[in-house]
Amino acid sequence: MSSFQVTGGKKLSGEITAQGAKNEALQIISAVLLTDQKVTITNIPDITDVNLQIELLQEMGVKVNRVSRDACVFQADDVNVHHLGSEDFRKKSGKLRGSVMLAGPLLARFKKAYIPKPGGDKIGRRKLDTHIIGFEKLGAHFNFDTEQHYFELVTDGLKGVSVLLDEPSVTGTANILMASVLAEGTTTIYNAACEPYLQQLCKMLNRMGAKISGVGSNLLTIEGVGKLAGTEHRMLPDMIEVGSFIGLAAMTQSEITIKNAGIEHLGIIPDKFAQLGIKMEFRGDDIYIPSQEKYEIQTFLDGSVLTISDHPWPGFTPDLLSIVLVVATQAEGSVLIHQKMFESRLFFVDKIMEMGAQIILCDPHRATVIGLGRKHRLRGITMSSPDIRAGVALLIAALSAEGKSVIQNIEQIDRGYQYIDKRLNALGAYIRRID
């Protein structure tokens, strides 16, 4: 198990480029199973979760030519469907929640799929009901193996149907969407997620020959086709990494330019950081954050305490609430952070409080942050990363703190952020990786 040793209190400066989007990558890479022709994908993030997804494809027979660390050519013309039932596949796919998105393409093209008990972040319950119910409506049947903890899905042929999702699940929408593009007839998905990553998937599938309308809305209509062709696709910059760098700049009083930030796809993310008092300038597709001595949290128009909560797109993404919470600790003013979707995602705040932050954990979903206004800097401690986003929030806190911090279990951070230590060290940070 590896750790980061961080010496805080250093002002950073320079330019940093956002990696390709992790959440988009897991969907797009799964979609290559829908055709036997070549699919070229670029701007792939070189991170643990994505590399594991690529390994899963290779082990089931997909040809992978990694042209560079951020570009791959895939061809799924000789897939070994029997490998899906192997113990090796169950174990490896069980480490990665994103592996669930292989099920839709596999059902659509090969009429069989396996979904293991999902791995990934330990942030509370993340049910698969939306996926399974959607597949059932399309004509799949499932059995659950209580000993091995996996779902086996089979179908005689998927048929178009009207699907009303009980929640606008991003992965659920993507999975049902990928299953329906090769189904017979027309499928509608209502209450669909409409994140930019879903829009990217729809655009890619349409270039491959799918017939998807309503892209960007919560009502998708899919006319099934008999076959899909190959294509080329470039992933968006990772909006979560962009938000993380905005927060990092404010916390460390640094002057940073985020290159190629994909501003048109960020939605209200910049607005939420602006509500914390963080100044930023848009320069083309770059975001410039000047060094700020202080930043002041806004209030609502009636003077009441600001609340920042997560919500399905175009609302604020839950993946950035951990960052917002940490950044607020050194602001002037107070804010209520309301994490609605996951009941365990705020449990890392005890470490931030140990560093000297003033936070009231109201319940598993809400925390009130009383900004210190830099009157009392955070102090370095030893802590452990519970999930990807909390891990980077802890790293940002450590970079702004007095003294040295040790962050353990950084494998969680590596799952979502590529070479984060090297990239931040290039800006003037001091992060030492200890194996």
Protein backbone atom coordinates (compact mmCIF):
# COMPACT_ATOMS: atom_id res chain seq x y z
CA MET A 1 0.00 0.00 0.00
CA SER A 2 1.37 3.41 -1.02
CA SER A 3 1.11 6.81 0.62
CA PHE A 4 1.82 10.48 -0.08
CA GLN A 5 4.07 12.52 2.17
CA VAL A 6 3.03 16.14 1.67
CA THR A 7 4.78 19.29 2.83
CA GLY A 8 2.14 22.01 2.91
CA GLY A 9 2.15 25.78 2.83
CA LYS A 10 3.69 26.20 -0.63
CA LYS A 11 2.17 28.54 -3.19
CA LEU A 12 1.86 26.93 -6.60
CA SER A 13 2.04 28.57 -10.00
CA GLY A 14 1.92 27.62 -13.64
CA GLU A 15 -0.26 25.76 -16.12
CA ILE A 16 -1.91 22.37 -15.79
CA THR A 17 -4.00 20.45 -18.34
CA ALA A 18 -7.08 18.49 -17.31
CA GLN A 19 -6.98 14.77 -18.09
CA GLY A 20 -9.63 12.98 -20.10
CA ALA A 21 -12.89 12.36 -18.27
CA LYS A 22 -12.88 9.21 -16.14
CA ASN A 23 -16.67 8.82 -16.02
CA GLU A 24 -16.95 9.21 -19.78
CA ALA A 25 -14.11 6.78 -20.42
CA LEU A 26 -15.78 3.87 -18.61
CA GLN A 27 -18.90 4.26 -20.78
CA ILE A 28 -17.13 4.86 -24.09
CA ILE A 29 -14.71 1.96 -23.66
CA SER A 30 -17.63 -0.38 -22.89
CA ALA A 31 -19.38 0.73 -26.08
CA VAL A 32 -16.62 -0.71 -28.32
CA LEU A 33 -18.23 -4.13 -27.71
CA LEU A 34 -21.21 -3.05 -29.83
CA THR A 35 -19.33 -3.43 -33.14
CA ASP A 36 -16.85 -5.79 -34.74
CA GLN A 37 -15.13 -2.88 -36.47
CA LYS A 38 -12.28 -0.67 -35.23
CA VAL A 39 -13.02 2.10 -32.74
CA THR A 40 -10.31 4.69 -32.02
CA ILE A 41 -10.54 6.58 -28.73
CA THR A 42 -8.28 9.47 -27.72
CA ASN A 43 -7.72 11.58 -24.59
CA ILE A 44 -8.04 8.44 -22.45
CA PRO A 45 -7.00 9.10 -18.82
CA ASP A 46 -4.11 6.88 -17.71
CA ILE A 47 -5.67 5.87 -14.38
CA THR A 48 -6.23 2.60 -12.54
CA ASP A 49 -9.98 2.27 -13.13
CA VAL A 50 -9.79 2.91 -16.87
CA ASN A 51 -6.75 0.66 -17.35
CA LEU A 52 -8.57 -2.14 -15.53
CA GLN A 53 -11.58 -1.72 -17.84
CA ILE A 54 -9.26 -2.03 -20.84
CA GLU A 55 -7.69 -5.16 -19.33
CA LEU A 56 -11.14 -6.72 -18.95
CA LEU A 57 -11.81 -6.15 -22.65
CA GLN A 58 -8.46 -7.64 -23.63
CA GLU A 59 -9.04 -10.76 -21.53
CA MET A 60 -12.38 -11.41 -23.24
CA GLY A 61 -10.71 -11.25 -26.64
CA VAL A 62 -10.99 -7.61 -27.71
CA LYS A 63 -7.95 -6.51 -29.71
CA VAL A 64 -6.36 -3.42 -28.12
CA ASN A 65 -3.62 -1.38 -29.78
CA ARG A 66 -2.46 1.23 -27.29
CA VAL A 67 -1.02 3.76 -29.73
CA SER A 68 0.00 6.02 -26.84
CA ARG A 69 -0.88 6.34 -23.16
CA ASP A 70 -3.96 8.41 -24.07
CA ALA A 71 -5.04 6.69 -27.31
CA CYS A 72 -6.29 3.19 -28.11
CA VAL A 73 -7.66 1.35 -31.13
CA PHE A 74 -10.17 -1.34 -30.14
CA GLN A 75 -11.66 -4.13 -32.26
CA ALA A 76 -14.17 -6.56 -30.76
CA ASP A 77 -14.36 -8.99 -33.68
CA ASP A 78 -13.46 -12.17 -31.75
CA VAL A 79 -14.98 -11.92 -28.27
CA ASN A 80 -14.85 -15.00 -26.04
CA VAL A 81 -18.24 -14.82 -24.35
CA HIS A 82 -17.48 -17.94 -22.27
CA HIS A 83 -14.73 -16.02 -20.43
CA LEU A 84 -17.45 -13.90 -18.82
CA GLY A 85 -18.51 -16.81 -16.64
CA SER A 86 -14.98 -17.50 -15.38
CA GLU A 87 -13.83 -16.92 -11.84
CA ASP A 88 -11.03 -14.69 -13.14
CA PHE A 89 -13.51 -12.35 -14.84
CA ARG A 90 -15.72 -12.23 -11.74
CA LYS A 91 -12.82 -11.35 -9.47
CA LYS A 92 -11.29 -8.71 -11.68
CA SER A 93 -14.56 -7.06 -12.74
CA GLY A 94 -15.68 -7.07 -9.09
CA LYS A 95 -12.89 -4.60 -8.28
CA LEU A 96 -14.40 -1.98 -10.57
CA ARG A 97 -17.93 -0.62 -10.45
CA GLY A 98 -17.55 0.60 -14.04
CA SER A 99 -17.49 -3.01 -15.21
CA VAL A 100 -21.28 -3.05 -14.81
CA MET A 101 -21.47 -1.04 -18.06
CA LEU A 102 -20.12 -3.97 -20.04
CA ALA A 103 -23.47 -5.69 -19.49
CA GLY A 104 -25.56 -3.55 -21.85
CA PRO A 105 -23.32 -3.98 -24.91
CA LEU A 106 -22.80 -7.70 -24.17
CA LEU A 107 -26.54 -8.36 -23.89
CA ALA A 108 -27.25 -6.40 -27.06
CA ARG A 109 -24.66 -8.15 -29.22
CA PHE A 110 -24.02 -11.53 -27.59
CA LYS A 111 -27.30 -12.07 -25.65
CA LYS A 112 -25.44 -12.87 -22.42
CA ALA A 113 -23.82 -10.84 -19.64
CA TYR A 114 -22.52 -11.16 -16.09
CA ILE A 115 -22.59 -8.43 -13.44
CA PRO A 116 -20.48 -9.07 -10.33
CA LYS A 117 -21.03 -7.49 -6.95
CA PRO A 118 -19.77 -3.95 -7.68
CA GLY A 119 -16.48 -2.61 -6.34
CA GLY A 120 -15.23 0.97 -6.39
CA ASP A 121 -15.66 3.70 -3.80
CA LYS A 122 -16.92 2.92 -0.31
CA ILE A 123 -19.43 5.75 -0.24
CA GLY A 124 -22.61 3.95 0.70
CA ARG A 125 -25.17 1.80 -1.09
CA ARG A 126 -25.00 1.88 -4.89
CA LYS A 127 -27.80 -0.40 -6.06
CA LEU A 128 -28.03 -2.11 -9.43
CA ASP A 129 -31.84 -2.18 -9.56
CA THR A 130 -32.05 0.50 -12.26
CA HIS A 131 -29.82 -1.54 -14.58
CA ILE A 132 -31.47 -4.93 -13.95
CA ILE A 133 -35.05 -3.64 -14.21
CA GLY A 134 -34.20 -1.86 -17.47
CA PHE A 135 -32.69 -5.02 -18.95
CA GLU A 136 -35.73 -7.04 -17.85
CA LYS A 137 -38.07 -4.63 -19.64
CA LEU A 138 -36.00 -5.01 -22.79
CA GLY A 139 -36.44 -8.78 -22.61
CA ALA A 140 -33.54 -10.13 -20.54
CA HIS A 141 -33.84 -12.64 -17.71
CA PHE A 142 -31.51 -12.83 -14.73
CA ASN A 143 -30.38 -15.23 -12.04
CA PHE A 144 -28.43 -14.19 -8.98
CA ASP A 145 -25.74 -16.54 -7.70
CA THR A 146 -25.88 -16.17 -3.91
CA GLU A 147 -22.54 -17.89 -3.38
CA GLN A 148 -20.46 -16.03 -5.95
CA HIS A 149 -22.53 -12.80 -5.68
CA TYR A 150 -23.07 -12.08 -9.37
CA PHE A 151 -25.97 -11.64 -11.77
CA GLU A 152 -26.19 -13.78 -14.90
CA LEU A 153 -28.30 -12.21 -17.65
CA VAL A 154 -29.52 -13.90 -20.82
CA THR A 155 -31.94 -12.99 -23.60
CA ASP A 156 -33.41 -14.52 -26.73
CA GLY A 157 -33.30 -11.05 -28.27
CA LEU A 158 -33.89 -7.58 -26.85
CA LYS A 159 -37.00 -5.70 -27.97
CA GLY A 160 -37.74 -1.99 -27.79
CA VAL A 161 -39.91 -0.83 -24.91
CA SER A 162 -40.79 2.26 -22.88
CA VAL A 163 -38.55 2.55 -19.79
CA LEU A 164 -39.27 4.99 -16.95
CA LEU A 165 -36.26 5.13 -14.64
CA ASP A 166 -36.87 5.39 -10.91
CA GLU A 167 -33.80 7.66 -10.71
CA PRO A 168 -31.73 9.48 -13.35
CA SER A 169 -28.80 7.12 -12.88
CA VAL A 170 -25.86 7.95 -15.17
CA THR A 171 -24.54 4.40 -15.39
CA GLY A 172 -28.07 2.99 -15.52
CA THR A 173 -29.01 5.27 -18.42
CA ALA A 174 -25.77 4.44 -20.27
CA ASN A 175 -26.24 0.70 -19.80
CA ILE A 176 -29.86 0.62 -20.94
CA LEU A 177 -29.03 2.96 -23.82
CA MET A 178 -26.23 0.69 -25.07
CA ALA A 179 -28.47 -2.36 -24.78
CA SER A 180 -31.28 -0.72 -26.74
CA VAL A 181 -29.32 0.51 -29.80
CA LEU A 182 -29.28 -3.04 -31.23
CA ALA A 183 -32.72 -4.02 -29.90
CA GLU A 184 -35.63 -4.71 -32.24
CA GLY A 185 -38.02 -1.77 -32.43
CA THR A 186 -38.07 1.57 -30.59
CA THR A 187 -37.04 2.20 -26.99
CA THR A 188 -37.75 5.32 -24.96
CA ILE A 189 -35.87 6.11 -21.75
CA TYR A 190 -37.65 8.72 -19.61
CA ASN A 191 -36.07 10.37 -16.56
CA ALA A 192 -32.76 9.64 -18.27
CA ALA A 193 -29.53 11.18 -17.03
CA CYS A 194 -28.30 13.91 -19.39
CA GLU A 195 -24.73 14.62 -18.20
CA PRO A 196 -22.23 15.72 -20.86
CA TYR A 197 -20.70 12.23 -20.67
CA LEU A 198 -24.05 10.69 -21.63
CA GLN A 199 -24.35 13.17 -24.47
CA GLN A 200 -20.86 12.17 -25.64
CA LEU A 201 -21.87 8.50 -25.61
CA CYS A 202 -25.01 9.25 -27.64
CA LYS A 203 -23.04 11.25 -30.21
CA MET A 204 -20.48 8.46 -30.56
CA LEU A 205 -23.17 5.79 -31.00
CA ASN A 206 -24.97 7.92 -33.60
CA ARG A 207 -21.72 8.24 -35.57
CA MET A 208 -21.52 4.42 -35.44
CA GLY A 209 -24.97 4.19 -37.03
CA ALA A 210 -27.33 4.23 -34.04
CA LYS A 211 -30.53 6.28 -34.17
CA ILE A 212 -30.80 8.19 -30.89
CA SER A 213 -32.82 11.39 -30.54
CA GLY A 214 -33.44 13.67 -27.57
CA VAL A 215 -29.72 13.88 -26.77
CA GLY A 216 -29.17 16.30 -23.87
CA SER A 217 -32.72 15.89 -22.53
CA ASN A 218 -34.24 13.49 -20.01
CA LEU A 219 -36.21 11.68 -22.73
CA LEU A 220 -34.16 9.56 -25.12
CA THR A 221 -35.70 7.78 -28.09
CA ILE A 222 -33.71 4.92 -29.64
CA GLU A 223 -34.66 3.22 -32.89
CA GLY A 224 -32.91 -0.14 -32.90
CA VAL A 225 -30.57 -0.99 -35.79
CA GLY A 226 -29.12 -4.30 -36.93
CA LYS A 227 -25.43 -3.41 -36.84
CA LEU A 228 -23.04 -0.64 -35.80
CA ALA A 229 -19.84 0.48 -37.55
CA GLY A 230 -16.52 1.71 -36.19
CA THR A 231 -15.73 5.33 -35.41
CA GLU A 232 -13.28 7.76 -33.82
CA HIS A 233 -14.01 9.53 -30.55
CA ARG A 234 -12.20 12.07 -28.36
CA MET A 235 -13.13 12.37 -24.70
CA LEU A 236 -13.95 15.59 -22.90
CA PRO A 237 -11.67 17.06 -20.23
CA ASP A 238 -12.55 15.74 -16.77
CA MET A 239 -14.87 18.29 -15.15
CA ILE A 240 -14.15 16.85 -11.69
CA GLU A 241 -10.43 17.43 -12.13
CA VAL A 242 -11.08 20.97 -13.38
CA GLY A 243 -13.15 21.71 -10.26
CA SER A 244 -10.48 20.14 -8.06
CA PHE A 245 -7.81 22.43 -9.53
CA ILE A 246 -10.00 25.52 -9.01
CA GLY A 247 -10.36 24.59 -5.34
CA LEU A 248 -6.65 23.78 -5.03
CA ALA A 249 -5.66 27.20 -6.37
CA ALA A 250 -7.89 29.01 -3.85
CA MET A 251 -6.81 26.93 -0.85
CA THR A 252 -3.08 27.34 -1.53
CA GLN A 253 -3.28 31.01 -2.64
CA SER A 254 -1.84 29.94 -5.98
CA GLU A 255 -1.91 31.42 -9.47
CA ILE A 256 -2.87 28.59 -11.80
CA THR A 257 -4.11 28.33 -15.38
CA ILE A 258 -6.16 25.24 -16.23
CA LYS A 259 -5.57 24.54 -19.92
CA ASN A 260 -8.22 23.09 -22.24
CA ALA A 261 -10.82 23.00 -19.48
CA GLY A 262 -13.85 22.27 -21.70
CA ILE A 263 -15.65 25.32 -20.31
CA GLU A 264 -18.83 24.86 -22.35
CA HIS A 265 -19.35 21.45 -20.71
CA LEU A 266 -18.78 22.53 -17.08
CA GLY A 267 -22.37 23.65 -16.42
CA ILE A 268 -22.72 25.41 -13.04
CA ILE A 269 -19.40 24.16 -11.63
CA PRO A 270 -17.62 27.53 -12.01
CA ASP A 271 -20.66 29.30 -10.54
CA LYS A 272 -20.55 27.18 -7.38
CA PHE A 273 -16.88 27.94 -6.80
CA ALA A 274 -17.64 31.62 -7.46
CA GLN A 275 -20.21 31.42 -4.65
CA LEU A 276 -17.32 30.55 -2.34
CA GLY A 277 -15.69 33.83 -3.39
CA ILE A 278 -13.11 32.31 -5.77
CA LYS A 279 -12.14 34.59 -8.65
CA MET A 280 -11.48 33.13 -12.07
CA GLU A 281 -11.18 34.33 -15.64
CA PHE A 282 -12.14 32.46 -18.81
CA ARG A 283 -9.47 32.88 -21.49
CA GLY A 284 -10.64 30.99 -24.53
CA ASP A 285 -10.99 27.43 -23.23
CA ASP A 286 -8.58 28.05 -20.35
CA ILE A 287 -9.47 29.03 -16.78
CA TYR A 288 -7.11 31.45 -15.02
CA ILE A 289 -7.31 31.54 -11.20
CA PRO A 290 -5.34 34.43 -9.66
CA SER A 291 -3.67 34.20 -6.27
CA GLN A 292 -6.15 35.33 -3.59
CA GLU A 293 -5.30 36.34 -0.05
CA LYS A 294 -8.88 35.68 0.98
CA TYR A 295 -12.19 34.55 -0.47
CA GLU A 296 -15.60 35.14 1.08
CA ILE A 297 -18.59 32.81 0.91
CA GLN A 298 -21.72 34.45 -0.46
CA THR A 299 -25.09 34.27 1.26
CA PHE A 300 -28.53 33.86 -0.26
CA LEU A 301 -30.32 37.09 -1.24
CA ASP A 302 -32.19 37.16 2.08
CA GLY A 303 -28.91 36.92 4.00
CA SER A 304 -29.32 33.28 5.04
CA VAL A 305 -26.44 30.80 5.06
CA LEU A 306 -25.51 29.43 1.66
CA THR A 307 -26.35 25.77 0.95
CA ILE A 308 -24.50 23.80 -1.73
CA SER A 309 -26.05 20.45 -2.56
CA ASP A 310 -25.72 17.82 -5.26
CA HIS A 311 -28.35 17.22 -7.93
CA PRO A 312 -28.60 15.35 -11.24
CA TRP A 313 -27.27 17.29 -14.23
CA PRO A 314 -27.54 20.18 -14.91
CA GLY A 315 -27.35 20.47 -11.12
CA PHE A 316 -24.09 20.33 -9.17
CA THR A 317 -22.21 17.04 -9.37
CA PRO A 318 -21.83 15.08 -6.09
CA ASP A 319 -18.22 14.29 -7.04
CA LEU A 320 -17.16 17.86 -6.21
CA LEU A 321 -18.88 18.29 -2.85
CA SER A 322 -15.82 16.90 -1.01
CA ILE A 323 -13.65 19.52 -2.73
CA VAL A 324 -16.10 22.35 -1.98
CA LEU A 325 -16.26 21.33 1.68
CA VAL A 326 -12.47 21.45 2.12
CA VAL A 327 -12.10 24.71 0.22
CA ALA A 328 -14.77 26.34 2.41
CA THR A 329 -12.71 25.67 5.57
CA GLN A 330 -10.32 28.54 4.73
CA ALA A 331 -12.95 30.92 3.34
CA GLU A 332 -14.63 33.73 5.27
CA GLY A 333 -18.21 32.83 6.13
CA SER A 334 -20.25 29.65 6.50
CA VAL A 335 -21.85 27.13 4.17
CA LEU A 336 -24.05 24.06 4.57
CA ILE A 337 -22.90 21.11 2.41
CA HIS A 338 -25.78 18.74 1.64
CA GLN A 339 -24.72 15.40 0.09
CA LYS A 340 -28.05 13.85 -0.93
CA MET A 341 -27.02 10.84 -2.99
CA PHE A 342 -24.57 8.89 -0.80
CA GLU A 343 -24.76 8.38 2.94
CA SER A 344 -21.05 7.71 3.58
CA ARG A 345 -19.38 10.37 1.50
CA LEU A 346 -18.98 12.94 4.29
CA PHE A 347 -17.34 10.61 6.77
CA PHE A 348 -13.88 11.88 5.81
CA VAL A 349 -14.59 15.23 7.53
CA ASP A 350 -13.31 13.92 10.86
CA LYS A 351 -9.81 14.08 9.36
CA ILE A 352 -10.33 17.67 8.24
CA MET A 353 -11.57 18.53 11.73
CA GLU A 354 -8.47 16.88 13.20
CA MET A 355 -6.45 19.25 11.01
CA GLY A 356 -8.16 22.16 12.75
CA ALA A 357 -11.18 22.90 10.56
CA GLN A 358 -14.45 24.00 12.14
CA ILE A 359 -17.10 21.64 10.79
CA ILE A 360 -20.34 20.39 12.30
CA LEU A 361 -21.33 17.00 10.90
CA CYS A 362 -25.09 17.28 11.25
CA ASP A 363 -25.88 13.77 9.96
CA PRO A 364 -24.53 11.40 7.27
CA HIS A 365 -25.73 13.78 4.55
CA ARG A 366 -25.10 17.30 5.89
CA ALA A 367 -22.11 19.23 7.22
CA THR A 368 -21.87 22.89 8.19
CA VAL A 369 -18.50 24.50 7.54
CA ILE A 370 -17.48 27.63 9.48
CA GLY A 371 -14.73 29.23 7.43
CA LEU A 372 -11.53 30.13 9.29
CA GLY A 373 -10.64 32.96 6.90
CA ARG A 374 -6.99 31.81 7.11
CA LYS A 375 -6.79 33.06 10.71
CA HIS A 376 -5.91 29.51 11.74
CA ARG A 377 -4.23 27.38 9.11
CA LEU A 378 -4.85 23.68 8.96
CA ARG A 379 -2.10 21.49 10.42
CA GLY A 380 -0.56 18.39 8.91
CA ILE A 381 -1.63 14.95 10.17
CA THR A 382 -1.63 11.30 9.07
CA MET A 383 -4.85 10.22 7.36
CA SER A 384 -6.26 7.67 4.92
CA SER A 385 -8.09 8.17 1.63
CA PRO A 386 -11.57 6.53 1.76
CA ASP A 387 -12.54 7.18 -1.87
CA ILE A 388 -11.32 8.97 -4.98
CA ARG A 389 -12.86 12.40 -4.40
CA ALA A 390 -12.34 12.53 -0.65
CA GLY A 391 -8.74 11.47 -1.26
CA VAL A 392 -8.06 14.48 -3.47
CA ALA A 393 -9.91 16.74 -1.01
CA LEU A 394 -7.52 15.50 1.71
CA LEU A 395 -4.57 16.13 -0.62
CA ILE A 396 -5.73 19.72 -1.21
CA ALA A 397 -6.10 20.20 2.55
CA ALA A 398 -2.59 18.81 3.13
CA LEU A 399 -1.08 21.13 0.48
CA SER A 400 -2.55 24.15 2.27
CA ALA A 401 -1.67 22.99 5.80
CA GLU A 402 1.26 23.82 8.03
CA GLY A 403 3.85 21.07 8.34
CA LYS A 404 3.85 17.58 6.91
CA SER A 405 0.92 15.28 6.24
CA VAL A 406 0.82 11.62 5.28
CA ILE A 407 -2.07 10.36 3.15
CA GLN A 408 -2.39 6.58 3.13
CA ASN A 409 -4.34 4.33 0.75
CA ILE A 410 -3.56 6.58 -2.22
CA GLU A 411 -4.51 3.75 -4.55
CA GLN A 412 -7.97 5.31 -4.26
CA ILE A 413 -6.62 8.61 -5.63
CA ASP A 414 -4.76 6.83 -8.44
CA ARG A 415 -8.08 5.32 -9.55
CA GLY A 416 -9.27 8.73 -10.73
CA TYR A 417 -6.34 11.15 -11.09
CA GLN A 418 -3.40 10.42 -13.39
CA TYR A 419 0.13 11.19 -12.14
CA ILE A 420 -1.38 13.70 -9.70
CA ASP A 421 1.80 13.95 -7.61
CA LYS A 422 4.07 14.60 -10.60
CA ARG A 423 1.69 17.12 -12.15
CA LEU A 424 1.28 19.13 -8.94
CA ASN A 425 4.99 18.94 -8.13
CA ALA A 426 5.60 20.58 -11.52
CA LEU A 427 3.59 23.57 -10.18
CA GLY A 428 5.76 23.82 -7.05
CA ALA A 429 4.06 21.39 -4.66
CA TYR A 430 6.04 18.94 -2.54
CA ILE A 431 4.41 15.51 -2.72
CA ARG A 432 6.53 12.43 -2.21
CA ARG A 433 5.15 9.02 -3.14
CA ILE A 434 6.15 6.29 -0.68
CA ASP A 435 5.64 2.66 -1.73
